[in-house]
Amino acid sequence: MRDDLKASETRQREDMRKLRSDVKELGSRLDRLVESLLASLRTVVGRMSACLIRSGEMAAAESRLLHFCAV
């Protein structure tokens, strides 16, 4: 009976070690995913900002042209 208990405890310790290792790996993968998503978000925001700046410049040029034509 005592040997069975020791074997069971040993298996439980091994299972816990494996579980901790799996959780650590999952955390690392999650960190990499979040970093990738943030990098993608920064790229999208940068591109949107550039488009908004260009559209603002176009609107200003259009306004100047309309003003010039009205004169």
PDB file of N, CA and C in Angstrom:
ATOM      1  N   MET A   1       0.833  -1.197   0.000  1.00  0.00           N
ATOM      2  CA  MET A   1       0.000   0.000   0.000  1.00  0.00           C
ATOM      3  C   MET A   1       0.875   1.258   0.000  1.00  0.00           C
ATOM      4  N   ARG A   2       1.905   1.271   0.788  1.00  0.00           N
ATOM      5  CA  ARG A   2       2.793   2.424   0.888  1.00  0.00           C
ATOM      6  C   ARG A   2       3.480   2.697  -0.450  1.00  0.00           C
ATOM      7  N   ASP A   3       3.880   1.640  -1.158  1.00  0.00           N
ATOM      8  CA  ASP A   3       4.507   1.817  -2.467  1.00  0.00           C
ATOM      9  C   ASP A   3       3.528   2.426  -3.467  1.00  0.00           C
ATOM     10  N   ASP A   4       2.265   2.006  -3.388  1.00  0.00           N
ATOM     11  CA  ASP A   4       1.243   2.573  -4.268  1.00  0.00           C
ATOM     12  C   ASP A   4       1.064   4.067  -4.005  1.00  0.00           C
ATOM     13  N   LEU A   5       1.091   4.440  -2.739  1.00  0.00           N
ATOM     14  CA  LEU A   5       0.945   5.845  -2.369  1.00  0.00           C
ATOM     15  C   LEU A   5       2.125   6.659  -2.882  1.00  0.00           C
ATOM     16  N   LYS A   6       3.340   6.130  -2.711  1.00  0.00           N
ATOM     17  CA  LYS A   6       4.532   6.835  -3.209  1.00  0.00           C
ATOM     18  C   LYS A   6       4.479   6.979  -4.727  1.00  0.00           C
ATOM     19  N   ALA A   7       4.066   5.912  -5.413  1.00  0.00           N
ATOM     20  CA  ALA A   7       3.975   5.970  -6.874  1.00  0.00           C
ATOM     21  C   ALA A   7       2.932   7.002  -7.302  1.00  0.00           C
ATOM     22  N   SER A   8       1.822   7.050  -6.600  1.00  0.00           N
ATOM     23  CA  SER A   8       0.772   8.015  -6.907  1.00  0.00           C
ATOM     24  C   SER A   8       1.266   9.447  -6.688  1.00  0.00           C
ATOM     25  N   GLU A   9       1.973   9.676  -5.594  1.00  0.00           N
ATOM     26  CA  GLU A   9       2.518  11.009  -5.312  1.00  0.00           C
ATOM     27  C   GLU A   9       3.544  11.403  -6.367  1.00  0.00           C
ATOM     28  N   THR A  10       4.354  10.455  -6.783  1.00  0.00           N
ATOM     29  CA  THR A  10       5.356  10.731  -7.817  1.00  0.00           C
ATOM     30  C   THR A  10       4.674  11.116  -9.128  1.00  0.00           C
ATOM     31  N   ARG A  11       3.634  10.388  -9.501  1.00  0.00           N
ATOM     32  CA  ARG A  11       2.881  10.718 -10.721  1.00  0.00           C
ATOM     33  C   ARG A  11       2.242  12.101 -10.614  1.00  0.00           C
ATOM     34  N   GLN A  12       1.709  12.404  -9.448  1.00  0.00           N
ATOM     35  CA  GLN A  12       1.085  13.724  -9.255  1.00  0.00           C
ATOM     36  C   GLN A  12       2.118  14.840  -9.390  1.00  0.00           C
ATOM     37  N   ARG A  13       3.305  14.638  -8.822  1.00  0.00           N
ATOM     38  CA  ARG A  13       4.366  15.651  -8.945  1.00  0.00           C
ATOM     39  C   ARG A  13       4.771  15.826 -10.408  1.00  0.00           C
ATOM     40  N   GLU A  14       4.906  14.703 -11.116  1.00  0.00           N
ATOM     41  CA  GLU A  14       5.264  14.778 -12.536  1.00  0.00           C
ATOM     42  C   GLU A  14       4.166  15.474 -13.338  1.00  0.00           C
ATOM     43  N   ASP A  15       2.926  15.154 -13.021  1.00  0.00           N
ATOM     44  CA  ASP A  15       1.799  15.809 -13.697  1.00  0.00           C
ATOM     45  C   ASP A  15       1.796  17.311 -13.429  1.00  0.00           C
ATOM     46  N   MET A  16       2.077  17.702 -12.190  1.00  0.00           N
ATOM     47  CA  MET A  16       2.111  19.132 -11.845  1.00  0.00           C
ATOM     48  C   MET A  16       3.258  19.830 -12.565  1.00  0.00           C
ATOM     49  N   ARG A  17       4.426  19.183 -12.647  1.00  0.00           N
ATOM     50  CA  ARG A  17       5.553  19.766 -13.378  1.00  0.00           C
ATOM     51  C   ARG A  17       5.180  19.980 -14.838  1.00  0.00           C
ATOM     52  N   LYS A  18       4.558  18.974 -15.425  1.00  0.00           N
ATOM     53  CA  LYS A  18       4.142  19.068 -16.829  1.00  0.00           C
ATOM     54  C   LYS A  18       3.104  20.176 -17.001  1.00  0.00           C
ATOM     55  N   LEU A  19       2.158  20.252 -16.088  1.00  0.00           N
ATOM     56  CA  LEU A  19       1.128  21.289 -16.153  1.00  0.00           C
ATOM     57  C   LEU A  19       1.748  22.681 -16.053  1.00  0.00           C
ATOM     58  N   ARG A  20       2.685  22.867 -15.119  1.00  0.00           N
ATOM     59  CA  ARG A  20       3.353  24.173 -14.986  1.00  0.00           C
ATOM     60  C   ARG A  20       4.122  24.521 -16.258  1.00  0.00           C
ATOM     61  N   SER A  21       4.777  23.529 -16.831  1.00  0.00           N
ATOM     62  CA  SER A  21       5.515  23.750 -18.071  1.00  0.00           C
ATOM     63  C   SER A  21       4.567  24.143 -19.204  1.00  0.00           C
ATOM     64  N   ASP A  22       3.442  23.449 -19.298  1.00  0.00           N
ATOM     65  CA  ASP A  22       2.456  23.766 -20.337  1.00  0.00           C
ATOM     66  C   ASP A  22       1.877  25.166 -20.151  1.00  0.00           C
ATOM     67  N   VAL A  23       1.597  25.540 -18.916  1.00  0.00           N
ATOM     68  CA  VAL A  23       1.050  26.873 -18.629  1.00  0.00           C
ATOM     69  C   VAL A  23       2.081  27.945 -18.987  1.00  0.00           C
ATOM     70  N   LYS A  24       3.343  27.689 -18.672  1.00  0.00           N
ATOM     71  CA  LYS A  24       4.403  28.645 -19.000  1.00  0.00           C
ATOM     72  C   LYS A  24       4.518  28.811 -20.517  1.00  0.00           C
ATOM     73  N   GLU A  25       4.478  27.708 -21.248  1.00  0.00           N
ATOM     74  CA  GLU A  25       4.537  27.764 -22.713  1.00  0.00           C
ATOM     75  C   GLU A  25       3.329  28.506 -23.276  1.00  0.00           C
ATOM     76  N   LEU A  26       2.166  28.245 -22.744  1.00  0.00           N
ATOM     77  CA  LEU A  26       0.955  28.938 -23.188  1.00  0.00           C
ATOM     78  C   LEU A  26       1.075  30.442 -22.942  1.00  0.00           C
ATOM     79  N   GLY A  27       1.612  30.816 -21.783  1.00  0.00           N
ATOM     80  CA  GLY A  27       1.820  32.233 -21.482  1.00  0.00           C
ATOM     81  C   GLY A  27       2.768  32.885 -22.472  1.00  0.00           C
ATOM     82  N   SER A  28       3.837  32.172 -22.837  1.00  0.00           N
ATOM     83  CA  SER A  28       4.792  32.706 -23.813  1.00  0.00           C
ATOM     84  C   SER A  28       4.135  32.890 -25.176  1.00  0.00           C
ATOM     85  N   ARG A  29       3.350  31.910 -25.571  1.00  0.00           N
ATOM     86  CA  ARG A  29       2.656  32.023 -26.857  1.00  0.00           C
ATOM     87  C   ARG A  29       1.662  33.175 -26.841  1.00  0.00           C
ATOM     88  N   LEU A  30       0.974  33.340 -25.744  1.00  0.00           N
ATOM     89  CA  LEU A  30       0.017  34.437 -25.613  1.00  0.00           C
ATOM     90  C   LEU A  30       0.733  35.785 -25.678  1.00  0.00           C
ATOM     91  N   ASP A  31       1.888  35.894 -25.015  1.00  0.00           N
ATOM     92  CA  ASP A  31       2.673  37.131 -25.078  1.00  0.00           C
ATOM     93  C   ASP A  31       3.057  37.457 -26.519  1.00  0.00           C
ATOM     94  N   ARG A  32       3.518  36.438 -27.260  1.00  0.00           N
ATOM     95  CA  ARG A  32       3.912  36.667 -28.654  1.00  0.00           C
ATOM     96  C   ARG A  32       2.709  37.085 -29.501  1.00  0.00           C
ATOM     97  N   LEU A  33       1.558  36.488 -29.250  1.00  0.00           N
ATOM     98  CA  LEU A  33       0.348  36.849 -29.990  1.00  0.00           C
ATOM     99  C   LEU A  33      -0.044  38.300 -29.717  1.00  0.00           C
ATOM    100  N   VAL A  34      -0.020  38.697 -28.457  1.00  0.00           N
ATOM    101  CA  VAL A  34      -0.382  40.075 -28.092  1.00  0.00           C
ATOM    102  C   VAL A  34       0.600  41.064 -28.719  1.00  0.00           C
ATOM    103  N   GLU A  35       1.900  40.744 -28.685  1.00  0.00           N
ATOM    104  CA  GLU A  35       2.898  41.624 -29.304  1.00  0.00           C
ATOM    105  C   GLU A  35       2.636  41.767 -30.799  1.00  0.00           C
ATOM    106  N   SER A  36       2.301  40.666 -31.449  1.00  0.00           N
ATOM    107  CA  SER A  36       2.017  40.697 -32.881  1.00  0.00           C
ATOM    108  C   SER A  36       0.773  41.533 -33.178  1.00  0.00           C
ATOM    109  N   LEU A  37      -0.260  41.354 -32.377  1.00  0.00           N
ATOM    110  CA  LEU A  37      -1.489  42.131 -32.573  1.00  0.00           C
ATOM    111  C   LEU A  37      -1.245  43.623 -32.359  1.00  0.00           C
ATOM    112  N   LEU A  38      -0.452  43.966 -31.355  1.00  0.00           N
ATOM    113  CA  LEU A  38      -0.153  45.381 -31.107  1.00  0.00           C
ATOM    114  C   LEU A  38       0.653  45.984 -32.251  1.00  0.00           C
ATOM    115  N   ALA A  39       1.604  45.221 -32.787  1.00  0.00           N
ATOM    116  CA  ALA A  39       2.389  45.713 -33.920  1.00  0.00           C
ATOM    117  C   ALA A  39       1.483  45.938 -35.130  1.00  0.00           C
ATOM    118  N   SER A  40       0.568  45.017 -35.373  1.00  0.00           N
ATOM    119  CA  SER A  40      -0.376  45.173 -36.487  1.00  0.00           C
ATOM    120  C   SER A  40      -1.267  46.390 -36.275  1.00  0.00           C
ATOM    121  N   LEU A  41      -1.724  46.570 -35.057  1.00  0.00           N
ATOM    122  CA  LEU A  41      -2.573  47.718 -34.744  1.00  0.00           C
ATOM    123  C   LEU A  41      -1.826  49.028 -34.969  1.00  0.00           C
ATOM    124  N   ARG A  42      -0.559  49.079 -34.548  1.00  0.00           N
ATOM    125  CA  ARG A  42       0.237  50.295 -34.773  1.00  0.00           C
ATOM    126  C   ARG A  42       0.371  50.579 -36.268  1.00  0.00           C
ATOM    127  N   THR A  43       0.567  49.536 -37.066  1.00  0.00           N
ATOM    128  CA  THR A  43       0.685  49.711 -38.513  1.00  0.00           C
ATOM    129  C   THR A  43      -0.614  50.263 -39.099  1.00  0.00           C
ATOM    130  N   VAL A  44      -1.729  49.689 -38.708  1.00  0.00           N
ATOM    131  CA  VAL A  44      -3.031  50.131 -39.221  1.00  0.00           C
ATOM    132  C   VAL A  44      -3.303  51.574 -38.812  1.00  0.00           C
ATOM    133  N   VAL A  45      -3.040  51.903 -37.566  1.00  0.00           N
ATOM    134  CA  VAL A  45      -3.278  53.272 -37.091  1.00  0.00           C
ATOM    135  C   VAL A  45      -2.383  54.251 -37.844  1.00  0.00           C
ATOM    136  N   GLY A  46      -1.134  53.871 -38.072  1.00  0.00           N
ATOM    137  CA  GLY A  46      -0.223  54.734 -38.831  1.00  0.00           C
ATOM    138  C   GLY A  46      -0.724  54.981 -40.241  1.00  0.00           C
ATOM    139  N   ARG A  47      -1.196  53.923 -40.882  1.00  0.00           N
ATOM    140  CA  ARG A  47      -1.713  54.075 -42.249  1.00  0.00           C
ATOM    141  C   ARG A  47      -2.979  54.920 -42.269  1.00  0.00           C
ATOM    142  N   MET A  48      -3.844  54.716 -41.287  1.00  0.00           N
ATOM    143  CA  MET A  48      -5.067  55.515 -41.225  1.00  0.00           C
ATOM    144  C   MET A  48      -4.729  56.985 -41.003  1.00  0.00           C
ATOM    145  N   SER A  49      -3.753  57.247 -40.154  1.00  0.00           N
ATOM    146  CA  SER A  49      -3.349  58.634 -39.898  1.00  0.00           C
ATOM    147  C   SER A  49      -2.830  59.276 -41.174  1.00  0.00           C
ATOM    148  N   ALA A  50      -2.011  58.529 -41.921  1.00  0.00           N
ATOM    149  CA  ALA A  50      -1.473  59.064 -43.176  1.00  0.00           C
ATOM    150  C   ALA A  50      -2.603  59.366 -44.156  1.00  0.00           C
ATOM    151  N   CYS A  51      -3.586  58.485 -44.231  1.00  0.00           N
ATOM    152  CA  CYS A  51      -4.731  58.714 -45.128  1.00  0.00           C
ATOM    153  C   CYS A  51      -5.528  59.935 -44.693  1.00  0.00           C
ATOM    154  N   LEU A  52      -5.733  60.081 -43.396  1.00  0.00           N
ATOM    155  CA  LEU A  52      -6.487  61.235 -42.900  1.00  0.00           C
ATOM    156  C   LEU A  52      -5.744  62.533 -43.168  1.00  0.00           C
ATOM    157  N   ILE A  53      -4.425  62.498 -43.022  1.00  0.00           N
ATOM    158  CA  ILE A  53      -3.631  63.700 -43.307  1.00  0.00           C
ATOM    159  C   ILE A  53      -3.762  64.064 -44.778  1.00  0.00           C
ATOM    160  N   ARG A  54      -3.631  63.033 -45.650  1.00  0.00           N
ATOM    161  CA  ARG A  54      -3.754  63.297 -47.090  1.00  0.00           C
ATOM    162  C   ARG A  54      -5.152  63.796 -47.441  1.00  0.00           C
ATOM    163  N   SER A  55      -6.182  63.218 -46.842  1.00  0.00           N
ATOM    164  CA  SER A  55      -7.543  63.669 -47.163  1.00  0.00           C
ATOM    165  C   SER A  55      -7.759  65.092 -46.652  1.00  0.00           C
ATOM    166  N   GLY A  56      -7.153  65.431 -45.517  1.00  0.00           N
ATOM    167  CA  GLY A  56      -7.240  66.798 -45.007  1.00  0.00           C
ATOM    168  C   GLY A  56      -6.529  67.774 -45.920  1.00  0.00           C
ATOM    169  N   GLU A  57      -5.377  67.361 -46.461  1.00  0.00           N
ATOM    170  CA  GLU A  57      -4.648  68.212 -47.399  1.00  0.00           C
ATOM    171  C   GLU A  57      -5.456  68.402 -48.678  1.00  0.00           C
ATOM    172  N   MET A  58      -6.114  67.337 -49.128  1.00  0.00           N
ATOM    173  CA  MET A  58      -6.933  67.436 -50.338  1.00  0.00           C
ATOM    174  C   MET A  58      -8.123  68.361 -50.102  1.00  0.00           C
ATOM    175  N   ALA A  59      -8.732  68.250 -48.936  1.00  0.00           N
ATOM    176  CA  ALA A  59      -9.876  69.114 -48.622  1.00  0.00           C
ATOM    177  C   ALA A  59      -9.444  70.574 -48.586  1.00  0.00           C
ATOM    178  N   ALA A  60      -8.272  70.838 -48.018  1.00  0.00           N
ATOM    179  CA  ALA A  60      -7.777  72.216 -47.957  1.00  0.00           C
ATOM    180  C   ALA A  60      -7.487  72.738 -49.363  1.00  0.00           C
ATOM    181  N   ALA A  61      -6.893  71.904 -50.208  1.00  0.00           N
ATOM    182  CA  ALA A  61      -6.599  72.319 -51.585  1.00  0.00           C
ATOM    183  C   ALA A  61      -7.894  72.565 -52.354  1.00  0.00           C
ATOM    184  N   GLU A  62      -8.876  71.700 -52.146  1.00  0.00           N
ATOM    185  CA  GLU A  62     -10.170  71.866 -52.808  1.00  0.00           C
ATOM    186  C   GLU A  62     -10.836  73.166 -52.363  1.00  0.00           C
ATOM    187  N   SER A  63     -10.736  73.475 -51.089  1.00  0.00           N
ATOM    188  CA  SER A  63     -11.323  74.710 -50.562  1.00  0.00           C
ATOM    189  C   SER A  63     -10.649  75.931 -51.186  1.00  0.00           C
ATOM    190  N   ARG A  64      -9.319  75.887 -51.296  1.00  0.00           N
ATOM    191  CA  ARG A  64      -8.597  77.009 -51.916  1.00  0.00           C
ATOM    192  C   ARG A  64      -8.993  77.162 -53.384  1.00  0.00           C
ATOM    193  N   LEU A  65      -9.146  76.031 -54.074  1.00  0.00           N
ATOM    194  CA  LEU A  65      -9.523  76.070 -55.485  1.00  0.00           C
ATOM    195  C   LEU A  65     -10.921  76.664 -55.650  1.00  0.00           C
ATOM    196  N   LEU A  66     -11.857  76.233 -54.801  1.00  0.00           N
ATOM    197  CA  LEU A  66     -13.213  76.779 -54.872  1.00  0.00           C
ATOM    198  C   LEU A  66     -13.214  78.273 -54.577  1.00  0.00           C
ATOM    199  N   HIS A  67     -12.420  78.682 -53.622  1.00  0.00           N
ATOM    200  CA  HIS A  67     -12.328  80.105 -53.292  1.00  0.00           C
ATOM    201  C   HIS A  67     -11.753  80.882 -54.475  1.00  0.00           C
ATOM    202  N   PHE A  68     -10.734  80.336 -55.123  1.00  0.00           N
ATOM    203  CA  PHE A  68     -10.101  80.985 -56.264  1.00  0.00           C
ATOM    204  C   PHE A  68     -11.094  81.127 -57.422  1.00  0.00           C
ATOM    205  N   CYS A  69     -11.888  80.056 -57.646  1.00  0.00           N
ATOM    206  CA  CYS A  69     -12.863  80.083 -58.753  1.00  0.00           C
ATOM    207  C   CYS A  69     -13.999  81.072 -58.481  1.00  0.00           C
ATOM    208  N   ALA A  70     -14.318  81.278 -57.223  1.00  0.00           N
ATOM    209  CA  ALA A  70     -15.421  82.172 -56.866  1.00  0.00           C
ATOM    210  C   ALA A  70     -15.035  83.628 -57.028  1.00  0.00           C
ATOM    211  N   VAL A  71     -13.756  83.900 -57.007  1.00  0.00           N
ATOM    212  CA  VAL A  71     -13.304  85.297 -57.063  1.00  0.00           C
ATOM    213  C   VAL A  71     -13.414  85.870 -58.431  1.00  0.00           C
TER     214      VAL A  71
END
